[in-house]
Amino acid sequence: MDILRSVVISLLIIVGSTSYAQDNVTLMNAFAKSYELENSGSYEEAITKLKAVYQEDSYEINLRLGWLNYLSGLFSESMPYYQKCIYLRPMSIEARLGIVLPASSMGNWTQVEKQYNDILTIDPENSQANFRLGMIYYGREDYTKALSVFEKLLNRYPFDYDIIMMTAWTQFRKSETRKAKILFNKALLNRPNDSSALEGLKLIK
């Protein structure tokens, strides 16, 4: 009886392993084909390939479907896939950076701001989230908040063109023209004859 039981268990393990290997090959093939179709611009076909192997608890499939639906312009369809990723992996930064793409395309800036703040709760030093949050504040003409973010970034990346320019323009909007002038000139060291920096200096004069 013990021998028979051992044989049965061994067979079940072999069958299970074979089934898993086959499923994994199918999944890898679906992903490979989805990349090929994406590169050719056939986003809807790529979505179909992945939906054929869809697993609700798969972070990777949901992330790909979120991205492919976004590329297809299906923004409202894209968001639930990214939300599923965040549910599956609550500490995921890439899923939150992903969901802001369809959210911003739909003009849902409340959702965008929430995701950036969530990212900064997980990773307070995340430069991408900080910069984009600063841009949201700047767009709202909340220059005090924007400057707080940009100056913090400037301390970490003193010669980054985008950070220099946004700090300079925010200082200009707050009438801190002396500081803005210094940064506009620094931007010209990074990008000689830069039109935005030259415009800022002209306005200060």
C-alpha atoms as a PDB file:
ATOM      1  CA  MET A   1       0.000   0.000   0.000  1.00  0.00           C
ATOM      2  CA  ASP A   2       2.821   2.379   0.900  1.00  0.00           C
ATOM      3  CA  ILE A   3       4.551   1.637  -2.398  1.00  0.00           C
ATOM      4  CA  LEU A   4       1.335   2.258  -4.340  1.00  0.00           C
ATOM      5  CA  ARG A   5       0.781   5.516  -2.484  1.00  0.00           C
ATOM      6  CA  SER A   6       4.319   6.670  -3.276  1.00  0.00           C
ATOM      7  CA  VAL A   7       3.842   5.851  -6.963  1.00  0.00           C
ATOM      8  CA  VAL A   8       0.565   7.803  -7.096  1.00  0.00           C
ATOM      9  CA  ILE A   9       2.137  10.838  -5.383  1.00  0.00           C
ATOM     10  CA  SER A  10       5.108  10.708  -7.752  1.00  0.00           C
ATOM     11  CA  LEU A  11       2.804  10.586 -10.768  1.00  0.00           C
ATOM     12  CA  LEU A  12       0.809  13.545  -9.486  1.00  0.00           C
ATOM     13  CA  ILE A  13       4.005  15.543  -9.014  1.00  0.00           C
ATOM     14  CA  ILE A  14       5.186  14.694 -12.535  1.00  0.00           C
ATOM     15  CA  VAL A  15       1.822  15.594 -14.065  1.00  0.00           C
ATOM     16  CA  GLY A  16       1.687  18.834 -12.069  1.00  0.00           C
ATOM     17  CA  SER A  17       5.215  19.805 -13.069  1.00  0.00           C
ATOM     18  CA  THR A  18       4.523  19.052 -16.727  1.00  0.00           C
ATOM     19  CA  SER A  19       1.319  21.100 -16.637  1.00  0.00           C
ATOM     20  CA  TYR A  20       3.130  24.034 -14.996  1.00  0.00           C
ATOM     21  CA  ALA A  21       5.925  23.886 -17.574  1.00  0.00           C
ATOM     22  CA  GLN A  22       3.407  23.888 -20.427  1.00  0.00           C
ATOM     23  CA  ASP A  23       1.482  26.810 -18.897  1.00  0.00           C
ATOM     24  CA  ASN A  24       4.725  28.735 -18.431  1.00  0.00           C
ATOM     25  CA  VAL A  25       5.737  28.196 -22.058  1.00  0.00           C
ATOM     26  CA  THR A  26       2.292  29.358 -23.199  1.00  0.00           C
ATOM     27  CA  LEU A  27       2.589  32.458 -21.023  1.00  0.00           C
ATOM     28  CA  MET A  28       6.083  33.293 -22.277  1.00  0.00           C
ATOM     29  CA  ASN A  29       4.955  32.871 -25.881  1.00  0.00           C
ATOM     30  CA  ALA A  30       1.987  35.187 -25.275  1.00  0.00           C
ATOM     31  CA  PHE A  31       4.247  37.834 -23.771  1.00  0.00           C
ATOM     32  CA  ALA A  32       6.783  37.519 -26.603  1.00  0.00           C
ATOM     33  CA  LYS A  33       4.057  37.872 -29.214  1.00  0.00           C
ATOM     34  CA  SER A  34       2.567  40.857 -27.374  1.00  0.00           C
ATOM     35  CA  TYR A  35       5.917  42.685 -27.533  1.00  0.00           C
ATOM     36  CA  GLU A  36       6.230  41.898 -31.232  1.00  0.00           C
ATOM     37  CA  LEU A  37       2.737  43.213 -31.917  1.00  0.00           C
ATOM     38  CA  GLU A  38       3.338  46.296 -29.754  1.00  0.00           C
ATOM     39  CA  ASN A  39       6.482  47.138 -31.711  1.00  0.00           C
ATOM     40  CA  SER A  40       4.485  46.972 -34.946  1.00  0.00           C
ATOM     41  CA  GLY A  41       1.755  49.196 -33.503  1.00  0.00           C
ATOM     42  CA  SER A  42      -0.826  46.395 -33.337  1.00  0.00           C
ATOM     43  CA  TYR A  43      -1.879  47.171 -29.790  1.00  0.00           C
ATOM     44  CA  GLU A  44      -5.345  45.608 -29.913  1.00  0.00           C
ATOM     45  CA  GLU A  45      -3.927  42.316 -31.212  1.00  0.00           C
ATOM     46  CA  ALA A  46      -1.324  42.380 -28.435  1.00  0.00           C
ATOM     47  CA  ILE A  47      -4.127  42.847 -25.905  1.00  0.00           C
ATOM     48  CA  THR A  48      -6.007  39.889 -27.382  1.00  0.00           C
ATOM     49  CA  LYS A  49      -2.929  37.657 -27.064  1.00  0.00           C
ATOM     50  CA  LEU A  50      -2.572  38.429 -23.368  1.00  0.00           C
ATOM     51  CA  LYS A  51      -6.268  38.208 -22.618  1.00  0.00           C
ATOM     52  CA  ALA A  52      -6.148  34.646 -23.939  1.00  0.00           C
ATOM     53  CA  VAL A  53      -3.829  33.721 -21.045  1.00  0.00           C
ATOM     54  CA  TYR A  54      -5.220  36.191 -18.505  1.00  0.00           C
ATOM     55  CA  GLN A  55      -4.807  35.379 -14.825  1.00  0.00           C
ATOM     56  CA  GLU A  56      -6.436  37.801 -12.399  1.00  0.00           C
ATOM     57  CA  ASP A  57      -3.691  37.329  -9.813  1.00  0.00           C
ATOM     58  CA  SER A  58      -0.838  37.908 -12.263  1.00  0.00           C
ATOM     59  CA  TYR A  59       0.851  41.258 -11.621  1.00  0.00           C
ATOM     60  CA  GLU A  60       2.816  40.982 -14.859  1.00  0.00           C
ATOM     61  CA  ILE A  61      -0.175  40.351 -17.137  1.00  0.00           C
ATOM     62  CA  ASN A  62      -2.184  43.160 -15.539  1.00  0.00           C
ATOM     63  CA  LEU A  63       0.743  45.557 -15.895  1.00  0.00           C
ATOM     64  CA  ARG A  64       1.145  44.726 -19.590  1.00  0.00           C
ATOM     65  CA  LEU A  65      -2.580  45.055 -20.236  1.00  0.00           C
ATOM     66  CA  GLY A  66      -2.630  48.405 -18.458  1.00  0.00           C
ATOM     67  CA  TRP A  67       0.175  49.646 -20.699  1.00  0.00           C
ATOM     68  CA  LEU A  68      -1.229  48.226 -23.948  1.00  0.00           C
ATOM     69  CA  ASN A  69      -4.692  49.645 -23.304  1.00  0.00           C
ATOM     70  CA  TYR A  70      -3.093  53.021 -22.611  1.00  0.00           C
ATOM     71  CA  LEU A  71      -1.186  52.855 -25.900  1.00  0.00           C
ATOM     72  CA  SER A  72      -4.460  51.982 -27.645  1.00  0.00           C
ATOM     73  CA  GLY A  73      -6.071  55.123 -26.245  1.00  0.00           C
ATOM     74  CA  LEU A  74      -8.391  53.005 -24.096  1.00  0.00           C
ATOM     75  CA  PHE A  75      -7.700  55.020 -20.960  1.00  0.00           C
ATOM     76  CA  SER A  76     -10.711  53.963 -18.884  1.00  0.00           C
ATOM     77  CA  GLU A  77      -9.962  50.295 -19.724  1.00  0.00           C
ATOM     78  CA  SER A  78      -6.300  50.766 -18.819  1.00  0.00           C
ATOM     79  CA  MET A  79      -6.826  52.026 -15.282  1.00  0.00           C
ATOM     80  CA  PRO A  80      -8.443  48.916 -13.709  1.00  0.00           C
ATOM     81  CA  TYR A  81      -5.468  46.795 -14.763  1.00  0.00           C
ATOM     82  CA  TYR A  82      -3.053  49.178 -13.044  1.00  0.00           C
ATOM     83  CA  GLN A  83      -5.352  49.309 -10.010  1.00  0.00           C
ATOM     84  CA  LYS A  84      -5.254  45.515  -9.881  1.00  0.00           C
ATOM     85  CA  CYS A  85      -1.438  45.705  -9.917  1.00  0.00           C
ATOM     86  CA  ILE A  86      -1.472  48.103  -6.967  1.00  0.00           C
ATOM     87  CA  TYR A  87      -3.824  45.752  -5.127  1.00  0.00           C
ATOM     88  CA  LEU A  88      -1.538  42.786  -5.826  1.00  0.00           C
ATOM     89  CA  ARG A  89       1.680  44.675  -5.033  1.00  0.00           C
ATOM     90  CA  PRO A  90       0.837  47.586  -2.680  1.00  0.00           C
ATOM     91  CA  MET A  91       4.451  48.818  -2.621  1.00  0.00           C
ATOM     92  CA  SER A  92       4.780  48.933  -6.400  1.00  0.00           C
ATOM     93  CA  ILE A  93       6.021  52.265  -7.696  1.00  0.00           C
ATOM     94  CA  GLU A  94       5.995  51.234 -11.366  1.00  0.00           C
ATOM     95  CA  ALA A  95       2.258  50.455 -11.236  1.00  0.00           C
ATOM     96  CA  ARG A  96       1.561  53.893  -9.762  1.00  0.00           C
ATOM     97  CA  LEU A  97       3.708  55.575 -12.413  1.00  0.00           C
ATOM     98  CA  GLY A  98       1.740  53.518 -14.909  1.00  0.00           C
ATOM     99  CA  ILE A  99      -1.717  54.522 -13.732  1.00  0.00           C
ATOM    100  CA  VAL A 100      -0.919  58.241 -13.941  1.00  0.00           C
ATOM    101  CA  LEU A 101      -0.596  57.859 -17.733  1.00  0.00           C
ATOM    102  CA  PRO A 102      -4.267  57.106 -18.448  1.00  0.00           C
ATOM    103  CA  ALA A 103      -5.376  59.239 -15.498  1.00  0.00           C
ATOM    104  CA  SER A 104      -3.573  62.326 -16.822  1.00  0.00           C
ATOM    105  CA  SER A 105      -4.811  61.616 -20.357  1.00  0.00           C
ATOM    106  CA  MET A 106      -8.372  61.748 -18.994  1.00  0.00           C
ATOM    107  CA  GLY A 107      -7.618  64.909 -17.023  1.00  0.00           C
ATOM    108  CA  ASN A 108      -8.066  63.149 -13.703  1.00  0.00           C
ATOM    109  CA  TRP A 109      -5.478  65.241 -11.861  1.00  0.00           C
ATOM    110  CA  THR A 110      -6.842  64.288  -8.437  1.00  0.00           C
ATOM    111  CA  GLN A 111      -5.942  60.669  -9.174  1.00  0.00           C
ATOM    112  CA  VAL A 112      -2.558  61.702 -10.585  1.00  0.00           C
ATOM    113  CA  GLU A 113      -1.682  63.764  -7.520  1.00  0.00           C
ATOM    114  CA  LYS A 114      -2.814  60.944  -5.229  1.00  0.00           C
ATOM    115  CA  GLN A 115      -0.541  58.451  -6.955  1.00  0.00           C
ATOM    116  CA  TYR A 116       2.486  60.751  -6.768  1.00  0.00           C
ATOM    117  CA  ASN A 117       1.848  61.340  -3.077  1.00  0.00           C
ATOM    118  CA  ASP A 118       1.485  57.583  -2.545  1.00  0.00           C
ATOM    119  CA  ILE A 119       4.814  57.048  -4.300  1.00  0.00           C
ATOM    120  CA  LEU A 120       6.449  59.623  -2.046  1.00  0.00           C
ATOM    121  CA  THR A 121       5.012  57.859   1.001  1.00  0.00           C
ATOM    122  CA  ILE A 122       6.792  54.704  -0.172  1.00  0.00           C
ATOM    123  CA  ASP A 123       9.902  56.457  -1.495  1.00  0.00           C
ATOM    124  CA  PRO A 124      10.197  60.093  -0.308  1.00  0.00           C
ATOM    125  CA  GLU A 125      13.286  60.669  -2.459  1.00  0.00           C
ATOM    126  CA  ASN A 126      11.712  59.555  -5.734  1.00  0.00           C
ATOM    127  CA  SER A 127      12.848  62.270  -8.138  1.00  0.00           C
ATOM    128  CA  GLN A 128      10.303  61.521 -10.870  1.00  0.00           C
ATOM    129  CA  ALA A 129       7.307  61.737  -8.553  1.00  0.00           C
ATOM    130  CA  ASN A 130       8.674  64.852  -6.852  1.00  0.00           C
ATOM    131  CA  PHE A 131       9.308  66.636 -10.157  1.00  0.00           C
ATOM    132  CA  ARG A 132       5.902  65.800 -11.622  1.00  0.00           C
ATOM    133  CA  LEU A 133       4.163  66.842  -8.423  1.00  0.00           C
ATOM    134  CA  GLY A 134       6.067  70.116  -8.597  1.00  0.00           C
ATOM    135  CA  MET A 135       4.818  70.550 -12.171  1.00  0.00           C
ATOM    136  CA  ILE A 136       1.226  70.035 -11.009  1.00  0.00           C
ATOM    137  CA  TYR A 137       1.655  72.739  -8.346  1.00  0.00           C
ATOM    138  CA  TYR A 138       3.256  75.056 -10.908  1.00  0.00           C
ATOM    139  CA  GLY A 139       0.372  74.489 -13.327  1.00  0.00           C
ATOM    140  CA  ARG A 140      -2.051  75.423 -10.555  1.00  0.00           C
ATOM    141  CA  GLU A 141      -0.004  78.568  -9.900  1.00  0.00           C
ATOM    142  CA  ASP A 142       0.715  77.334  -6.381  1.00  0.00           C
ATOM    143  CA  TYR A 143       4.275  78.606  -6.648  1.00  0.00           C
ATOM    144  CA  THR A 144       5.076  78.268  -2.953  1.00  0.00           C
ATOM    145  CA  LYS A 145       4.474  74.501  -3.001  1.00  0.00           C
ATOM    146  CA  ALA A 146       6.131  74.149  -6.391  1.00  0.00           C
ATOM    147  CA  LEU A 147       9.256  75.979  -5.240  1.00  0.00           C
ATOM    148  CA  SER A 148       9.500  73.823  -2.142  1.00  0.00           C
ATOM    149  CA  VAL A 149       9.593  70.718  -4.334  1.00  0.00           C
ATOM    150  CA  PHE A 150      11.927  72.109  -7.011  1.00  0.00           C
ATOM    151  CA  GLU A 151      14.451  73.516  -4.537  1.00  0.00           C
ATOM    152  CA  LYS A 152      14.607  70.161  -2.772  1.00  0.00           C
ATOM    153  CA  LEU A 153      15.318  68.498  -6.111  1.00  0.00           C
ATOM    154  CA  LEU A 154      17.867  71.155  -7.035  1.00  0.00           C
ATOM    155  CA  ASN A 155      19.886  70.301  -3.949  1.00  0.00           C
ATOM    156  CA  ARG A 156      20.106  66.703  -5.189  1.00  0.00           C
ATOM    157  CA  TYR A 157      20.566  67.435  -8.892  1.00  0.00           C
ATOM    158  CA  PRO A 158      22.283  70.847  -9.068  1.00  0.00           C
ATOM    159  CA  PHE A 159      23.028  70.705 -12.817  1.00  0.00           C
ATOM    160  CA  ASP A 160      19.885  69.014 -14.131  1.00  0.00           C
ATOM    161  CA  TYR A 161      18.474  71.278 -16.853  1.00  0.00           C
ATOM    162  CA  ASP A 162      14.763  70.626 -16.224  1.00  0.00           C
ATOM    163  CA  ILE A 163      15.100  71.113 -12.479  1.00  0.00           C
ATOM    164  CA  ILE A 164      17.186  74.286 -12.899  1.00  0.00           C
ATOM    165  CA  MET A 165      14.665  75.772 -15.311  1.00  0.00           C
ATOM    166  CA  MET A 166      11.561  74.960 -13.280  1.00  0.00           C
ATOM    167  CA  THR A 167      13.187  76.317 -10.125  1.00  0.00           C
ATOM    168  CA  ALA A 168      14.199  79.480 -11.994  1.00  0.00           C
ATOM    169  CA  TRP A 169      10.758  80.067 -13.486  1.00  0.00           C
ATOM    170  CA  THR A 170       9.043  79.387 -10.162  1.00  0.00           C
ATOM    171  CA  GLN A 171      11.374  81.856  -8.440  1.00  0.00           C
ATOM    172  CA  PHE A 172      10.578  84.353 -11.193  1.00  0.00           C
ATOM    173  CA  ARG A 173       6.826  83.889 -10.609  1.00  0.00           C
ATOM    174  CA  LYS A 174       7.426  84.539  -6.905  1.00  0.00           C
ATOM    175  CA  SER A 175       9.378  87.723  -7.763  1.00  0.00           C
ATOM    176  CA  GLU A 176      12.643  86.216  -6.507  1.00  0.00           C
ATOM    177  CA  THR A 177      14.337  87.622  -9.578  1.00  0.00           C
ATOM    178  CA  ARG A 178      17.905  87.670  -8.235  1.00  0.00           C
ATOM    179  CA  LYS A 179      17.812  83.941  -7.547  1.00  0.00           C
ATOM    180  CA  ALA A 180      16.045  83.293 -10.844  1.00  0.00           C
ATOM    181  CA  LYS A 181      18.709  85.195 -12.778  1.00  0.00           C
ATOM    182  CA  ILE A 182      21.475  83.065 -11.271  1.00  0.00           C
ATOM    183  CA  LEU A 183      19.681  79.881 -12.306  1.00  0.00           C
ATOM    184  CA  PHE A 184      18.810  81.085 -15.811  1.00  0.00           C
ATOM    185  CA  ASN A 185      22.502  81.775 -16.325  1.00  0.00           C
ATOM    186  CA  LYS A 186      23.378  78.353 -14.935  1.00  0.00           C
ATOM    187  CA  ALA A 187      20.934  76.782 -17.389  1.00  0.00           C
ATOM    188  CA  LEU A 188      22.889  78.423 -20.213  1.00  0.00           C
ATOM    189  CA  LEU A 189      25.982  76.539 -19.037  1.00  0.00           C
ATOM    190  CA  ASN A 190      23.986  73.328 -19.478  1.00  0.00           C
ATOM    191  CA  ARG A 191      22.359  74.346 -22.769  1.00  0.00           C
ATOM    192  CA  PRO A 192      24.054  77.338 -24.439  1.00  0.00           C
ATOM    193  CA  ASN A 193      21.620  79.727 -26.155  1.00  0.00           C
ATOM    194  CA  ASP A 194      18.627  78.001 -24.569  1.00  0.00           C
ATOM    195  CA  SER A 195      15.554  79.999 -25.596  1.00  0.00           C
ATOM    196  CA  SER A 196      13.671  79.580 -22.309  1.00  0.00           C
ATOM    197  CA  ALA A 197      16.640  80.711 -20.200  1.00  0.00           C
ATOM    198  CA  LEU A 198      17.272  83.675 -22.505  1.00  0.00           C
ATOM    199  CA  GLU A 199      13.589  84.623 -22.324  1.00  0.00           C
ATOM    200  CA  GLY A 200      13.748  84.559 -18.513  1.00  0.00           C
ATOM    201  CA  LEU A 201      16.828  86.790 -18.448  1.00  0.00           C
ATOM    202  CA  LYS A 202      15.193  89.211 -20.883  1.00  0.00           C
ATOM    203  CA  LEU A 203      12.103  89.480 -18.683  1.00  0.00           C
ATOM    204  CA  ILE A 204      14.225  90.153 -15.596  1.00  0.00           C
ATOM    205  CA  LYS A 205      15.994  93.040 -17.323  1.00  0.00           C
END
